[in-house]
């Protein structure tokens, strides 16, 4: 699978998670409220199970925007350590310079 396809799928999951965020939180809050009747909680648990799986934030994975690499990604820059090192050594990242002592 190419990095472009991975990044497209990641972007699609992020959009889906943002779209269903409020609904998912509402259903979860109702499901976890013990003061409500069981039939109401069960009904909302069913509705929660009918939401798309990819709309959950736990299915999101931080990926490098250049290579699609899923591991060792700096959240602030959204790039992997390898790309970060390369860009920083070329001076393409503002405020970052190689330290030496």
N, C-alpha and C. Protein backbone atom coordinates (compact mmCIF):
# COMPACT_ATOMS: atom_id res chain seq x y z
N UNK A 1 0.85 -1.19 0.00
CA UNK A 1 0.00 0.00 0.00
C UNK A 1 0.90 1.25 0.00
N UNK A 2 0.64 2.13 -0.91
CA UNK A 2 1.49 3.33 -1.00
C UNK A 2 1.17 4.31 0.12
N UNK A 3 2.13 5.23 0.34
CA UNK A 3 1.93 6.21 1.42
C UNK A 3 0.78 7.16 1.10
N UNK A 4 0.53 7.41 -0.20
CA UNK A 4 -0.58 8.30 -0.56
C UNK A 4 -1.91 7.69 -0.14
N UNK A 5 -2.07 6.39 -0.38
CA UNK A 5 -3.33 5.73 -0.04
C UNK A 5 -3.51 5.69 1.48
N UNK A 6 -2.41 5.44 2.20
CA UNK A 6 -2.50 5.41 3.67
C UNK A 6 -2.91 6.78 4.22
N UNK A 7 -2.33 7.83 3.65
CA UNK A 7 -2.66 9.17 4.12
C UNK A 7 -4.09 9.55 3.76
N UNK A 8 -4.57 9.09 2.62
CA UNK A 8 -5.95 9.36 2.23
C UNK A 8 -6.90 8.65 3.17
N UNK A 9 -6.62 7.39 3.49
CA UNK A 9 -7.46 6.63 4.43
C UNK A 9 -7.44 7.27 5.81
N UNK A 10 -6.27 7.73 6.24
CA UNK A 10 -6.14 8.40 7.53
C UNK A 10 -6.97 9.68 7.55
N UNK A 11 -6.91 10.44 6.46
CA UNK A 11 -7.69 11.68 6.37
C UNK A 11 -9.19 11.38 6.41
N UNK A 12 -9.61 10.32 5.71
CA UNK A 12 -11.02 9.92 5.71
C UNK A 12 -11.47 9.54 7.12
N UNK A 13 -10.65 8.79 7.84
CA UNK A 13 -11.00 8.41 9.21
C UNK A 13 -11.10 9.62 10.12
N UNK A 14 -10.21 10.58 9.94
CA UNK A 14 -10.25 11.79 10.76
C UNK A 14 -11.52 12.59 10.50
N UNK A 15 -11.94 12.68 9.24
CA UNK A 15 -13.18 13.38 8.91
C UNK A 15 -14.38 12.67 9.51
N UNK A 16 -14.40 11.34 9.42
CA UNK A 16 -15.50 10.55 9.95
C UNK A 16 -15.58 10.68 11.48
N UNK A 17 -14.43 10.67 12.14
CA UNK A 17 -14.39 10.80 13.60
C UNK A 17 -14.91 12.17 14.02
N UNK A 18 -14.55 13.20 13.28
CA UNK A 18 -15.02 14.54 13.61
C UNK A 18 -16.52 14.66 13.38
N UNK A 19 -17.01 14.02 12.35
CA UNK A 19 -18.44 14.09 12.01
C UNK A 19 -19.31 13.45 13.09
N UNK A 20 -18.87 12.30 13.61
CA UNK A 20 -19.69 11.54 14.56
C UNK A 20 -19.27 11.75 16.01
N UNK A 21 -18.38 12.68 16.28
CA UNK A 21 -17.85 12.87 17.63
C UNK A 21 -18.94 13.18 18.65
N UNK A 22 -19.80 14.13 18.34
CA UNK A 22 -20.83 14.56 19.30
C UNK A 22 -21.83 13.44 19.54
N UNK A 23 -22.26 12.78 18.45
CA UNK A 23 -23.22 11.68 18.58
C UNK A 23 -22.65 10.55 19.44
N UNK A 24 -21.40 10.20 19.16
CA UNK A 24 -20.76 9.10 19.88
C UNK A 24 -20.62 9.42 21.37
N UNK A 25 -20.24 10.67 21.69
CA UNK A 25 -20.11 11.07 23.10
C UNK A 25 -21.46 11.07 23.82
N UNK A 26 -22.50 11.51 23.11
CA UNK A 26 -23.85 11.52 23.70
C UNK A 26 -24.31 10.10 24.01
N UNK A 27 -24.16 9.21 23.03
CA UNK A 27 -24.58 7.81 23.22
C UNK A 27 -23.80 7.16 24.35
N UNK A 28 -22.50 7.43 24.42
CA UNK A 28 -21.69 6.84 25.49
C UNK A 28 -22.08 7.36 26.86
N UNK A 29 -22.39 8.66 26.93
CA UNK A 29 -22.79 9.24 28.21
C UNK A 29 -24.10 8.63 28.69
N UNK A 30 -25.02 8.42 27.77
CA UNK A 30 -26.31 7.82 28.14
C UNK A 30 -26.12 6.37 28.53
N UNK A 31 -25.27 5.64 27.83
CA UNK A 31 -25.01 4.23 28.14
C UNK A 31 -24.39 4.06 29.52
N UNK A 32 -23.56 5.00 29.91
CA UNK A 32 -22.83 4.86 31.18
C UNK A 32 -23.53 5.51 32.36
N UNK A 33 -24.74 6.06 32.15
CA UNK A 33 -25.47 6.72 33.23
C UNK A 33 -26.35 5.70 33.96
N UNK A 34 -26.01 5.33 35.19
CA UNK A 34 -26.79 4.30 35.90
C UNK A 34 -28.15 4.78 36.38
N UNK A 35 -28.40 6.09 36.37
CA UNK A 35 -29.69 6.59 36.85
C UNK A 35 -30.80 6.43 35.81
N UNK A 36 -30.45 6.16 34.56
CA UNK A 36 -31.45 5.98 33.51
C UNK A 36 -31.96 4.54 33.49
N UNK A 37 -33.18 4.34 32.97
CA UNK A 37 -33.72 2.97 32.87
C UNK A 37 -32.88 2.12 31.91
N UNK A 38 -32.90 0.82 32.15
CA UNK A 38 -32.09 -0.09 31.35
C UNK A 38 -32.48 -0.12 29.88
N UNK A 39 -33.77 0.00 29.58
CA UNK A 39 -34.19 -0.06 28.18
C UNK A 39 -33.68 1.14 27.37
N UNK A 40 -33.62 2.31 28.01
CA UNK A 40 -33.08 3.50 27.33
C UNK A 40 -31.59 3.32 27.09
N UNK A 41 -30.89 2.83 28.10
CA UNK A 41 -29.45 2.61 27.96
C UNK A 41 -29.16 1.56 26.89
N UNK A 42 -29.95 0.50 26.87
CA UNK A 42 -29.77 -0.56 25.88
C UNK A 42 -30.04 -0.05 24.47
N UNK A 43 -31.05 0.81 24.33
CA UNK A 43 -31.39 1.40 23.03
C UNK A 43 -30.22 2.24 22.50
N UNK A 44 -29.61 3.04 23.38
CA UNK A 44 -28.49 3.88 22.95
C UNK A 44 -27.22 3.07 22.74
N UNK A 45 -27.09 1.96 23.44
CA UNK A 45 -25.95 1.07 23.21
C UNK A 45 -26.06 0.45 21.81
N UNK A 46 -27.28 0.14 21.40
CA UNK A 46 -27.52 -0.39 20.05
C UNK A 46 -27.20 0.67 19.00
N UNK A 47 -27.64 1.92 19.26
CA UNK A 47 -27.36 3.01 18.33
C UNK A 47 -25.85 3.25 18.21
N UNK A 48 -25.15 3.13 19.33
CA UNK A 48 -23.70 3.30 19.34
C UNK A 48 -23.03 2.22 18.49
N UNK A 49 -23.56 1.01 18.55
CA UNK A 49 -22.96 -0.08 17.78
C UNK A 49 -23.24 0.07 16.28
N UNK A 50 -24.24 0.84 15.92
CA UNK A 50 -24.58 1.05 14.51
C UNK A 50 -23.77 2.18 13.86
N UNK A 51 -23.04 2.96 14.66
CA UNK A 51 -22.18 3.99 14.08
C UNK A 51 -21.02 3.33 13.35
N UNK A 52 -20.46 3.99 12.35
CA UNK A 52 -19.32 3.40 11.63
C UNK A 52 -18.13 3.17 12.56
N UNK A 53 -17.43 2.07 12.38
CA UNK A 53 -16.29 1.75 13.23
C UNK A 53 -15.18 2.78 13.07
N UNK A 54 -14.98 3.26 11.85
CA UNK A 54 -13.91 4.21 11.60
C UNK A 54 -14.20 5.59 12.18
N UNK A 55 -15.37 5.78 12.77
CA UNK A 55 -15.69 7.07 13.36
C UNK A 55 -15.19 7.17 14.81
N UNK A 56 -14.52 6.14 15.28
CA UNK A 56 -13.98 6.16 16.63
C UNK A 56 -12.57 6.76 16.63
N UNK A 57 -12.28 7.61 17.63
CA UNK A 57 -10.98 8.25 17.71
C UNK A 57 -9.87 7.25 18.04
N UNK A 58 -10.21 6.09 18.59
CA UNK A 58 -9.18 5.11 18.92
C UNK A 58 -8.63 4.45 17.66
N UNK A 59 -9.32 4.55 16.55
CA UNK A 59 -8.85 3.95 15.31
C UNK A 59 -7.95 4.89 14.51
N UNK A 60 -7.78 6.11 15.01
CA UNK A 60 -6.89 7.04 14.32
C UNK A 60 -5.45 6.73 14.67
N UNK A 61 -4.59 6.95 13.71
CA UNK A 61 -3.17 6.69 13.91
C UNK A 61 -2.39 7.89 13.37
N UNK A 62 -1.49 8.44 14.18
CA UNK A 62 -0.67 9.55 13.71
C UNK A 62 0.30 9.04 12.66
N UNK A 63 0.27 9.67 11.50
CA UNK A 63 1.14 9.26 10.40
C UNK A 63 1.94 10.44 9.88
N UNK A 64 3.10 10.13 9.32
CA UNK A 64 3.92 11.15 8.69
C UNK A 64 3.23 11.63 7.42
N UNK A 65 3.15 12.95 7.23
CA UNK A 65 2.44 13.46 6.05
C UNK A 65 3.26 13.32 4.78
N UNK A 66 4.56 13.05 4.90
CA UNK A 66 5.40 12.88 3.72
C UNK A 66 5.52 11.42 3.31
N UNK A 67 5.75 10.54 4.28
CA UNK A 67 6.01 9.13 3.95
C UNK A 67 4.89 8.18 4.33
N UNK A 68 3.98 8.60 5.21
CA UNK A 68 2.92 7.71 5.67
C UNK A 68 3.36 6.78 6.78
N UNK A 69 4.57 6.97 7.28
CA UNK A 69 5.11 6.11 8.33
C UNK A 69 4.30 6.26 9.62
N UNK A 70 3.86 5.14 10.23
CA UNK A 70 3.00 5.23 11.42
C UNK A 70 3.74 5.34 12.75
N UNK A 71 5.04 5.08 12.76
CA UNK A 71 5.77 5.07 14.02
C UNK A 71 6.75 6.24 14.11
N UNK A 72 7.05 6.64 15.34
CA UNK A 72 8.01 7.71 15.61
C UNK A 72 7.64 8.99 14.88
N UNK A 73 6.38 9.42 15.06
CA UNK A 73 5.89 10.63 14.42
C UNK A 73 5.79 11.73 15.47
N UNK A 74 6.42 12.88 15.20
CA UNK A 74 6.31 14.03 16.09
C UNK A 74 4.96 14.70 15.84
N UNK A 75 4.13 14.79 16.87
CA UNK A 75 2.79 15.33 16.73
C UNK A 75 2.79 16.79 16.31
N UNK A 76 3.71 17.56 16.83
CA UNK A 76 3.75 18.99 16.55
C UNK A 76 3.99 19.27 15.07
N UNK A 77 4.85 18.48 14.43
CA UNK A 77 5.19 18.70 13.03
C UNK A 77 4.49 17.72 12.09
N UNK A 78 3.94 16.64 12.62
CA UNK A 78 3.29 15.57 11.86
C UNK A 78 4.24 14.95 10.83
N UNK A 79 5.49 14.80 11.21
CA UNK A 79 6.47 14.12 10.36
C UNK A 79 7.21 13.08 11.19
N UNK A 80 7.74 12.06 10.52
CA UNK A 80 8.48 11.02 11.22
C UNK A 80 9.86 11.53 11.62
N UNK A 81 10.52 10.79 12.47
CA UNK A 81 11.83 11.20 12.96
C UNK A 81 12.85 11.28 11.83
N UNK A 82 12.69 10.41 10.85
CA UNK A 82 13.63 10.37 9.73
C UNK A 82 13.49 11.62 8.87
N UNK A 83 12.24 11.94 8.53
CA UNK A 83 11.97 13.13 7.71
C UNK A 83 12.31 14.39 8.50
N UNK A 84 12.00 14.38 9.80
CA UNK A 84 12.30 15.54 10.65
C UNK A 84 13.80 15.82 10.65
N UNK A 85 14.60 14.79 10.82
CA UNK A 85 16.06 14.95 10.85
C UNK A 85 16.56 15.50 9.52
N UNK A 86 16.01 14.98 8.43
CA UNK A 86 16.43 15.43 7.10
C UNK A 86 16.06 16.91 6.88
N UNK A 87 14.82 17.27 7.22
CA UNK A 87 14.36 18.65 7.03
C UNK A 87 15.11 19.62 7.95
N UNK A 88 15.35 19.18 9.19
CA UNK A 88 16.06 20.05 10.13
C UNK A 88 17.51 20.27 9.71
N UNK A 89 18.14 19.25 9.18
CA UNK A 89 19.54 19.42 8.76
C UNK A 89 19.65 20.32 7.54
N UNK A 90 18.60 20.35 6.72
CA UNK A 90 18.58 21.25 5.56
C UNK A 90 18.14 22.67 5.94
N UNK A 91 17.65 22.83 7.17
CA UNK A 91 17.21 24.15 7.64
C UNK A 91 15.83 24.54 7.16
N UNK A 92 14.99 23.56 6.85
CA UNK A 92 13.65 23.83 6.31
C UNK A 92 12.58 23.96 7.39
N UNK A 93 12.93 23.66 8.64
CA UNK A 93 11.97 23.80 9.74
C UNK A 93 12.37 25.02 10.55
N UNK A 94 11.43 25.96 10.65
CA UNK A 94 11.71 27.21 11.37
C UNK A 94 11.94 26.95 12.85
N UNK A 95 12.98 27.57 13.41
CA UNK A 95 13.23 27.48 14.84
C UNK A 95 13.95 26.23 15.28
N UNK A 96 14.33 25.36 14.35
CA UNK A 96 15.03 24.13 14.71
C UNK A 96 16.41 24.16 14.07
N UNK A 97 17.42 23.92 14.90
CA UNK A 97 18.77 23.84 14.35
C UNK A 97 19.50 22.71 15.05
N UNK A 98 20.49 22.19 14.38
CA UNK A 98 21.27 21.10 14.93
C UNK A 98 22.16 21.63 16.05
N UNK A 99 22.11 20.96 17.19
CA UNK A 99 22.93 21.42 18.31
C UNK A 99 24.27 20.69 18.28
N UNK A 100 25.28 21.38 18.71
CA UNK A 100 26.60 20.74 18.83
C UNK A 100 27.32 21.38 20.02
N UNK A 101 28.08 20.57 20.73
CA UNK A 101 28.82 21.11 21.88
C UNK A 101 30.15 20.42 22.01
